[in-house]
Amino acid sequence: MLEYSACIEWLFGEEPSFARRVSLAAAAGIHWVEFWDWRDKPLTELGDALRVTGSRVTSFVSEPEGRLVDPGTHEEFLAGVVESARVAESLGCHGLIVLAGDAFPDESRTAQRDAIVSALRRAAPLAAARGVTLLLEPLNTKVDHHGYFLDSSVEGLEIIDEVGAGNVKLLYDVYHSVVMDEDPEQVIDGRVDLIGHVHLADSPGRHEPGTGTMPWQTILHSLERAGYPGRVGLEYMPTDGQTLRSLAWRDR
């Protein structure tokens, strides 16, 4: 059975206290949580909530995000990985999300892709020293992230393959993938060993499963059949702002 991770940026967002959202997720049967940036979070209170509930943090974004397509940002990115990995270790978290950044229109894709590979190869041992996996996330450029360099999950997997580090994997976001007209079953097929985390939201709309046209049940079954060992991050916006009501899809 797949385990789920609640992105508490959106899920349980009706609760003002960020740390309290951990408890609400646990009460709803979800004992893994994740979030985006960490520098603006109440880390002490968050750590206390994790200890009380026995919950775990799946992942958060390495800061500063950097722009991996740009070698000029790599030193700052690497320093951020060191600091972010230290925070991850303190929270018992083993995943740091990293982003390729927006493309340079006047630079070749090959050069920008090579820069991403170089940055990840250099960052891999820094993260490994803290037991952390780097998760490279492709994003859609049709709706939400115009100008982003890495909008192909297939190319993302090729980059992970090229980096060749066991602690550098793909964050496969099914929503972004479907928006880009990819077939999730084809993306997953035979490559699940390179996928470190999965995000799920329906499309269109980026709401809970069952609100759009995505064959989400088939996709989840494909992950199970492929032996995906990680968690599925629920990174969606509840349609009416009521998280518990939005979780009714789990019964289906």
Foldseek 3Di string as FASTA:
>chain_A
DFAEEEALVFFVVVDVQSLVVCVVCVVLVHQEYEYEDDPPHPLVSNLVSCVVSVGAYAEYAQPPQFAQLDLVRLVVSLVSLLVVLVSCLVRVYAEYEHENHFDDPPDDLVSSLVSNLVSCLVNQVSNVVSNHAYEYEAAACPPDNPRGNGQALVVVLVSLVVSPHQRYAYAAEVASCVVVVHDLLVSCPPRLSRHDEYEDADPDPQEAPPPHDDPVVVNVVSCVVSVNDHHYYHRGHHPVSHNSVSPPVVVD
